[in-house]
Amino acid sequence: MPRLDADDPIFGDAASSDAIELIVVPRTTDLGGFQVRRALPTAKRRMVGPFVFLDQMGPASIALGEGLDVRPHPHIGLATVTYLFDGEIVHRDTTGAMQAIRPGDVNWMTAGRGIAHSERSSPTWRKQSNNREVFGLQTWVALPKEHEETAPEFYHHGEATLPVVSGEGLTVRVVAGSAYGATAPVATFSDTLYADVVLEEGARLPVDADHEERAAYLLEGTVEIGGDIHEAGRLLVFRPGDRLTVTARTPARLMLIGGEAMDGPRHIWWNFVSSSKERIEQAKADWKAGRFGPVIGDESEFIPLPE
């Protein structure tokens, strides 16, 4: 990755004006007043680096006394990565992990050969009269074939442990992988780029070609790349090999994602990701038969296998 004070590419040259390969407008789903915007996968782009799934949760205001209640459900062949800007979510899983995640923290759950988990609001948070917003991203990282059947694990890294790189009018928090000379403590299975970028108006973010595949998900504000203006709520997939600069036309926030291209295509069915269709069929049977085991502390409910 470049220095944050690196020179811009020349305006109007190929690297500046033709840097974006694809613009994805997420499809929006309303889950009972809580909006989710899904940017990956799409028909035209299944993955960016190891990222095979990207959901924006909210921002949404939750009524006093209510909260999120994602009942226990299974995963295989991936790692879930949860990152919040507002709110709180309590994670529980079949390894016995129980962890509240708050803004700036990261939860990394490796499903591997199989895990089930739930995500809910705590009783304390449901009673709070202030800060009722929930806003964040949940991404799935596909695992390389040699790690698809690894043992399930869960890791939490607090905000203070994630490195922050600052430049003129901007800050970059490295959530997972490496960027701008800093590396997050989150253990990954392949080269990964995942960074939270906050830009003041007029700030410029250089994006080099160190990572094989790269994209930016625009959360807030308006940015300019190669003379083109882009609004929030877009996934901008960059062409490989091109160096570019993101300029904030207004105060803006975005997530950089990407990394090493995955070692072959992945099949996705419900919450299962695998290089093998047969392995997904086995996961379906295992969940239906109750072979994933209980989510410790949340054993009374579960999401049934879709028919």
Protein backbone atom coordinates (compact mmCIF):
# COMPACT_ATOMS: atom_id res chain seq x y z
CA MET A 1 0.00 0.00 0.00
CA PRO A 2 1.22 3.58 -0.66
CA ARG A 3 2.00 6.32 1.82
CA LEU A 4 -1.01 8.46 2.63
CA ASP A 5 0.90 11.47 1.24
CA ALA A 6 1.75 9.81 -2.08
CA ASP A 7 1.39 11.83 -5.29
CA ASP A 8 -1.78 11.55 -7.35
CA PRO A 9 -1.78 9.77 -10.68
CA ILE A 10 -2.05 12.22 -13.57
CA PHE A 11 -5.64 13.39 -14.05
CA GLY A 12 -7.09 11.99 -17.25
CA ASP A 13 -4.61 9.15 -17.78
CA ALA A 14 -5.77 5.54 -18.07
CA ALA A 15 -5.16 4.75 -14.42
CA SER A 16 -7.14 7.79 -13.32
CA SER A 17 -10.13 7.83 -15.65
CA ASP A 18 -10.72 4.12 -16.19
CA ALA A 19 -9.96 2.78 -12.71
CA ILE A 20 -13.41 1.37 -11.92
CA GLU A 21 -14.33 -2.01 -13.37
CA LEU A 22 -17.83 -2.28 -11.92
CA ILE A 23 -20.28 -0.20 -9.86
CA VAL A 24 -22.64 -2.28 -7.72
CA VAL A 25 -25.85 -0.76 -6.39
CA PRO A 26 -26.85 -2.96 -3.42
CA ARG A 27 -30.30 -4.50 -3.34
CA THR A 28 -32.25 -3.51 -0.24
CA THR A 29 -34.32 -5.78 1.97
CA ASP A 30 -36.54 -4.56 4.79
CA LEU A 31 -36.45 -6.93 7.75
CA GLY A 32 -39.37 -5.57 9.75
CA GLY A 33 -38.21 -1.95 9.73
CA PHE A 34 -34.50 -2.84 9.69
CA GLN A 35 -32.90 -2.34 6.29
CA VAL A 36 -30.13 -4.54 4.94
CA ARG A 37 -28.28 -3.60 1.75
CA ARG A 38 -26.49 -6.49 0.01
CA ALA A 39 -23.57 -5.56 -2.27
CA LEU A 40 -22.00 -9.03 -2.65
CA PRO A 41 -22.53 -11.46 -4.23
CA THR A 42 -24.07 -10.12 -7.47
CA ALA A 43 -24.63 -11.67 -10.87
CA LYS A 44 -21.69 -9.71 -12.31
CA ARG A 45 -19.30 -10.07 -9.37
CA ARG A 46 -19.25 -13.01 -6.98
CA MET A 47 -16.17 -12.06 -4.92
CA VAL A 48 -13.61 -9.33 -4.33
CA GLY A 49 -10.49 -10.99 -3.03
CA PRO A 50 -11.71 -13.44 -0.38
CA PHE A 51 -14.88 -11.40 0.31
CA VAL A 52 -17.85 -13.41 -0.91
CA PHE A 53 -20.64 -11.55 0.92
CA LEU A 54 -21.16 -7.94 2.05
CA ASP A 55 -24.23 -6.69 3.90
CA GLN A 56 -24.77 -3.18 5.25
CA MET A 57 -26.93 -3.32 8.36
CA GLY A 58 -28.90 -0.10 8.92
CA PRO A 59 -28.48 2.64 9.93
CA ALA A 60 -31.74 2.01 11.72
CA SER A 61 -33.39 3.28 14.87
CA ILE A 62 -34.62 0.48 17.14
CA ALA A 63 -37.62 1.15 19.38
CA LEU A 64 -37.07 1.17 23.13
CA GLY A 65 -37.49 -2.34 24.51
CA GLU A 66 -36.80 -3.97 21.15
CA GLY A 67 -33.59 -5.22 19.56
CA LEU A 68 -31.99 -7.52 17.06
CA ASP A 69 -32.81 -11.20 17.27
CA VAL A 70 -30.98 -13.32 14.72
CA ARG A 71 -31.70 -16.85 15.95
CA PRO A 72 -29.09 -19.63 15.86
CA HIS A 73 -28.12 -20.59 12.31
CA PRO A 74 -25.22 -22.53 10.72
CA HIS A 75 -22.20 -21.76 8.52
CA ILE A 76 -19.48 -23.76 6.77
CA GLY A 77 -16.47 -22.91 4.62
CA LEU A 78 -16.16 -19.23 5.54
CA ALA A 79 -15.35 -16.70 8.23
CA THR A 80 -17.91 -14.09 9.26
CA VAL A 81 -16.55 -10.62 10.01
CA THR A 82 -18.77 -8.19 11.95
CA TYR A 83 -17.87 -4.49 12.28
CA LEU A 84 -20.12 -1.82 13.80
CA PHE A 85 -20.32 1.96 13.51
CA ASP A 86 -23.23 2.27 15.96
CA GLY A 87 -25.05 -0.04 18.37
CA GLU A 88 -24.21 -3.32 20.04
CA ILE A 89 -24.66 -7.00 19.15
CA VAL A 90 -24.07 -10.02 21.39
CA HIS A 91 -22.57 -13.03 19.63
CA ARG A 92 -22.95 -16.62 20.88
CA ASP A 93 -21.84 -19.80 19.12
CA THR A 94 -21.34 -23.55 19.40
CA THR A 95 -17.73 -23.19 20.59
CA GLY A 96 -19.08 -21.56 23.77
CA ALA A 97 -17.98 -18.05 22.81
CA MET A 98 -20.14 -15.16 24.05
CA GLN A 99 -19.03 -11.66 23.13
CA ALA A 100 -20.63 -8.24 22.82
CA ILE A 101 -19.35 -6.22 19.88
CA ARG A 102 -19.42 -2.43 19.93
CA PRO A 103 -18.38 0.29 17.46
CA GLY A 104 -14.78 -0.06 16.30
CA ASP A 105 -14.41 -3.68 17.46
CA VAL A 106 -14.21 -6.66 15.12
CA ASN A 107 -15.65 -10.14 15.58
CA TRP A 108 -14.05 -12.83 13.38
CA MET A 109 -15.75 -16.23 13.44
CA THR A 110 -14.15 -19.03 11.44
CA ALA A 111 -16.85 -21.53 10.51
CA GLY A 112 -14.56 -24.05 8.82
CA ARG A 113 -16.13 -27.49 8.96
CA GLY A 114 -19.19 -26.16 10.76
CA ILE A 115 -20.42 -23.73 13.40
CA ALA A 116 -23.74 -22.24 14.48
CA HIS A 117 -24.22 -18.84 16.10
CA SER A 118 -26.77 -16.22 17.08
CA GLU A 119 -26.66 -12.43 17.10
CA ARG A 120 -28.93 -10.56 19.47
CA SER A 121 -29.28 -7.33 21.41
CA SER A 122 -28.57 -7.65 25.12
CA PRO A 123 -31.30 -7.04 27.73
CA THR A 124 -29.35 -4.00 28.94
CA TRP A 125 -29.13 -2.45 25.46
CA ARG A 126 -32.86 -2.99 24.87
CA LYS A 127 -33.60 -0.87 27.97
CA GLN A 128 -31.28 2.02 27.08
CA SER A 129 -33.11 5.22 26.22
CA ASN A 130 -30.25 6.72 24.19
CA ASN A 131 -28.07 5.58 21.27
CA ARG A 132 -30.77 3.42 19.69
CA GLU A 133 -29.06 3.30 16.29
CA VAL A 134 -27.68 0.09 14.79
CA PHE A 135 -25.30 0.51 11.87
CA GLY A 136 -22.58 -1.82 10.64
CA LEU A 137 -21.25 -4.27 8.10
CA GLN A 138 -21.24 -8.02 8.05
CA THR A 139 -18.98 -9.67 5.53
CA TRP A 140 -18.13 -13.26 4.77
CA VAL A 141 -14.60 -14.26 3.83
CA ALA A 142 -14.33 -17.48 1.83
CA LEU A 143 -11.67 -19.88 3.08
CA PRO A 144 -9.01 -21.32 0.76
CA LYS A 145 -9.69 -24.95 -0.17
CA GLU A 146 -7.00 -26.25 2.18
CA HIS A 147 -8.72 -24.50 5.12
CA GLU A 148 -12.40 -25.09 4.30
CA GLU A 149 -12.60 -27.92 6.84
CA THR A 150 -10.56 -26.24 9.57
CA ALA A 151 -11.78 -26.32 13.15
CA PRO A 152 -14.32 -23.60 14.04
CA GLU A 153 -12.97 -20.71 16.11
CA PHE A 154 -14.03 -17.28 17.32
CA TYR A 155 -11.89 -14.18 17.89
CA HIS A 156 -12.74 -10.71 19.19
CA HIS A 157 -10.44 -7.72 18.79
CA GLY A 158 -11.30 -4.48 20.57
CA GLU A 159 -11.14 -1.07 18.94
CA ALA A 160 -7.94 -0.14 20.78
CA THR A 161 -6.07 -3.12 19.29
CA LEU A 162 -6.72 -2.19 15.64
CA PRO A 163 -3.99 -0.01 14.09
CA VAL A 164 -4.89 3.49 12.88
CA VAL A 165 -2.94 5.34 10.19
CA SER A 166 -3.51 9.10 9.86
CA GLY A 167 -2.88 11.54 7.02
CA GLU A 168 -3.95 15.02 6.03
CA GLY A 169 -7.70 15.09 6.61
CA LEU A 170 -8.11 11.33 6.87
CA THR A 171 -7.81 8.31 9.16
CA VAL A 172 -7.59 4.64 8.23
CA ARG A 173 -8.38 1.93 10.77
CA VAL A 174 -7.08 -1.45 9.56
CA VAL A 175 -9.78 -3.96 10.52
CA ALA A 176 -8.23 -7.10 8.99
CA GLY A 177 -5.17 -7.75 6.85
CA SER A 178 -2.75 -4.99 5.91
CA ALA A 179 -2.97 -1.44 4.57
CA TYR A 180 -0.70 1.61 4.50
CA GLY A 181 2.12 -0.14 6.33
CA ALA A 182 -0.06 -1.39 9.21
CA THR A 183 -1.35 -4.90 9.92
CA ALA A 184 -4.36 -5.78 12.06
CA PRO A 185 -4.05 -8.46 14.77
CA VAL A 186 -6.88 -10.47 13.17
CA ALA A 187 -5.52 -13.78 11.83
CA THR A 188 -6.53 -14.29 8.17
CA PHE A 189 -6.17 -17.25 5.83
CA SER A 190 -5.02 -15.30 2.74
CA ASP A 191 -3.86 -11.82 1.78
CA THR A 192 -6.67 -9.52 2.94
CA LEU A 193 -7.54 -5.83 2.72
CA TYR A 194 -10.26 -4.54 5.06
CA ALA A 195 -10.01 -0.97 6.29
CA ASP A 196 -12.36 1.71 7.65
CA VAL A 197 -11.54 5.09 6.06
CA VAL A 198 -12.88 8.47 7.28
CA LEU A 199 -12.23 11.48 5.01
CA GLU A 200 -12.68 15.19 5.59
CA GLU A 201 -13.92 17.27 2.65
CA GLY A 202 -11.08 17.65 0.15
CA ALA A 203 -8.97 14.82 1.61
CA ARG A 204 -7.29 12.46 -0.84
CA LEU A 205 -6.79 8.73 -0.29
CA PRO A 206 -4.22 7.00 -2.54
CA VAL A 207 -5.06 3.38 -3.34
CA ASP A 208 -2.13 1.42 -4.72
CA ALA A 209 -2.18 -1.94 -6.52
CA ASP A 210 -0.46 -3.97 -3.78
CA HIS A 211 -3.52 -6.19 -3.36
CA GLU A 212 -4.64 -8.33 -6.28
CA GLU A 213 -8.32 -7.36 -6.03
CA ARG A 214 -9.72 -4.17 -4.44
CA ALA A 215 -12.99 -2.34 -3.99
CA ALA A 216 -14.45 0.49 -1.92
CA TYR A 217 -17.87 0.41 -0.31
CA LEU A 218 -19.13 3.98 0.16
CA LEU A 219 -20.96 4.38 3.44
CA GLU A 220 -21.36 8.14 3.73
CA GLY A 221 -20.70 11.23 1.64
CA THR A 222 -19.57 11.80 -1.95
CA VAL A 223 -16.20 11.00 -3.51
CA GLU A 224 -14.47 11.61 -6.83
CA ILE A 225 -12.32 9.07 -8.67
CA GLY A 226 -10.75 9.96 -12.00
CA GLY A 227 -13.17 12.83 -12.55
CA ASP A 228 -16.31 10.76 -11.83
CA ILE A 229 -18.54 11.45 -8.82
CA HIS A 230 -19.86 8.59 -6.66
CA GLU A 231 -22.52 8.75 -3.96
CA ALA A 232 -22.91 6.69 -0.79
CA GLY A 233 -24.46 3.24 -1.09
CA ARG A 234 -22.23 1.98 -3.90
CA LEU A 235 -19.60 -0.74 -4.15
CA LEU A 236 -16.86 0.42 -6.52
CA VAL A 237 -14.77 -2.49 -7.83
CA PHE A 238 -11.38 -1.27 -9.04
CA ARG A 239 -9.52 -2.63 -12.03
CA PRO A 240 -6.54 -4.77 -11.03
CA GLY A 241 -3.11 -3.21 -11.36
CA ASP A 242 -4.25 0.42 -11.46
CA ARG A 243 -3.17 2.98 -8.90
CA LEU A 244 -5.83 5.58 -8.15
CA THR A 245 -6.85 8.35 -5.77
CA VAL A 246 -10.16 8.78 -3.94
CA THR A 247 -10.96 12.46 -3.27
CA ALA A 248 -13.69 13.42 -0.80
CA ARG A 249 -16.08 15.97 -2.29
CA THR A 250 -17.89 16.04 1.08
CA PRO A 251 -17.01 14.46 4.43
CA ALA A 252 -17.08 10.75 3.61
CA ARG A 253 -16.62 7.28 5.01
CA LEU A 254 -15.81 4.10 3.11
CA MET A 255 -14.53 0.57 3.61
CA LEU A 256 -11.68 -0.73 1.49
CA ILE A 257 -12.03 -4.48 0.83
CA GLY A 258 -10.07 -7.00 -1.19
CA GLY A 259 -6.99 -9.15 -1.21
CA GLU A 260 -5.78 -12.28 -2.94
CA ALA A 261 -8.18 -13.79 -5.48
CA MET A 262 -9.80 -16.98 -4.22
CA ASP A 263 -8.46 -20.32 -5.48
CA GLY A 264 -11.47 -21.11 -7.66
CA PRO A 265 -15.20 -20.36 -7.60
CA ARG A 266 -17.39 -20.83 -4.54
CA HIS A 267 -20.92 -22.15 -4.27
CA ILE A 268 -23.26 -20.30 -1.91
CA TRP A 269 -26.51 -21.72 -0.60
CA TRP A 270 -28.20 -19.99 2.32
CA ASN A 271 -25.43 -19.63 4.95
CA PHE A 272 -23.11 -22.23 3.44
CA VAL A 273 -20.06 -21.51 1.28
CA SER A 274 -17.95 -24.24 -0.31
CA SER A 275 -15.92 -25.17 -3.36
CA SER A 276 -18.02 -28.38 -3.46
CA LYS A 277 -21.75 -28.67 -4.11
CA GLU A 278 -21.70 -32.06 -2.40
CA ARG A 279 -20.28 -30.50 0.78
CA ILE A 280 -23.17 -28.03 0.85
CA GLU A 281 -25.65 -30.90 0.53
CA GLN A 282 -24.00 -32.57 3.51
CA ALA A 283 -24.25 -29.33 5.52
CA LYS A 284 -27.97 -29.12 4.73
CA ALA A 285 -28.47 -32.65 6.06
CA ASP A 286 -26.35 -31.94 9.15
CA TRP A 287 -28.33 -28.83 10.10
CA LYS A 288 -31.65 -30.56 9.53
CA ALA A 289 -30.54 -33.45 11.73
CA GLY A 290 -29.21 -31.19 14.50
CA ARG A 291 -25.59 -32.24 14.09
CA PHE A 292 -24.07 -28.74 14.42
CA GLY A 293 -24.61 -28.77 18.17
CA PRO A 294 -26.24 -26.16 20.41
CA VAL A 295 -25.40 -22.48 20.56
CA ILE A 296 -24.30 -22.23 24.19
CA GLY A 297 -26.64 -19.93 26.11
CA ASP A 298 -29.14 -19.73 23.24
CA GLU A 299 -30.44 -23.28 22.91
CA SER A 300 -34.21 -22.72 22.78
CA GLU A 301 -34.56 -21.40 19.21
CA PHE A 302 -33.05 -21.91 15.76
CA ILE A 303 -33.68 -20.96 12.14
CA PRO A 304 -34.90 -24.02 10.23
CA LEU A 305 -33.36 -25.10 6.94
CA PRO A 306 -35.13 -23.26 4.07
CA GLU A 307 -37.35 -25.55 2.04
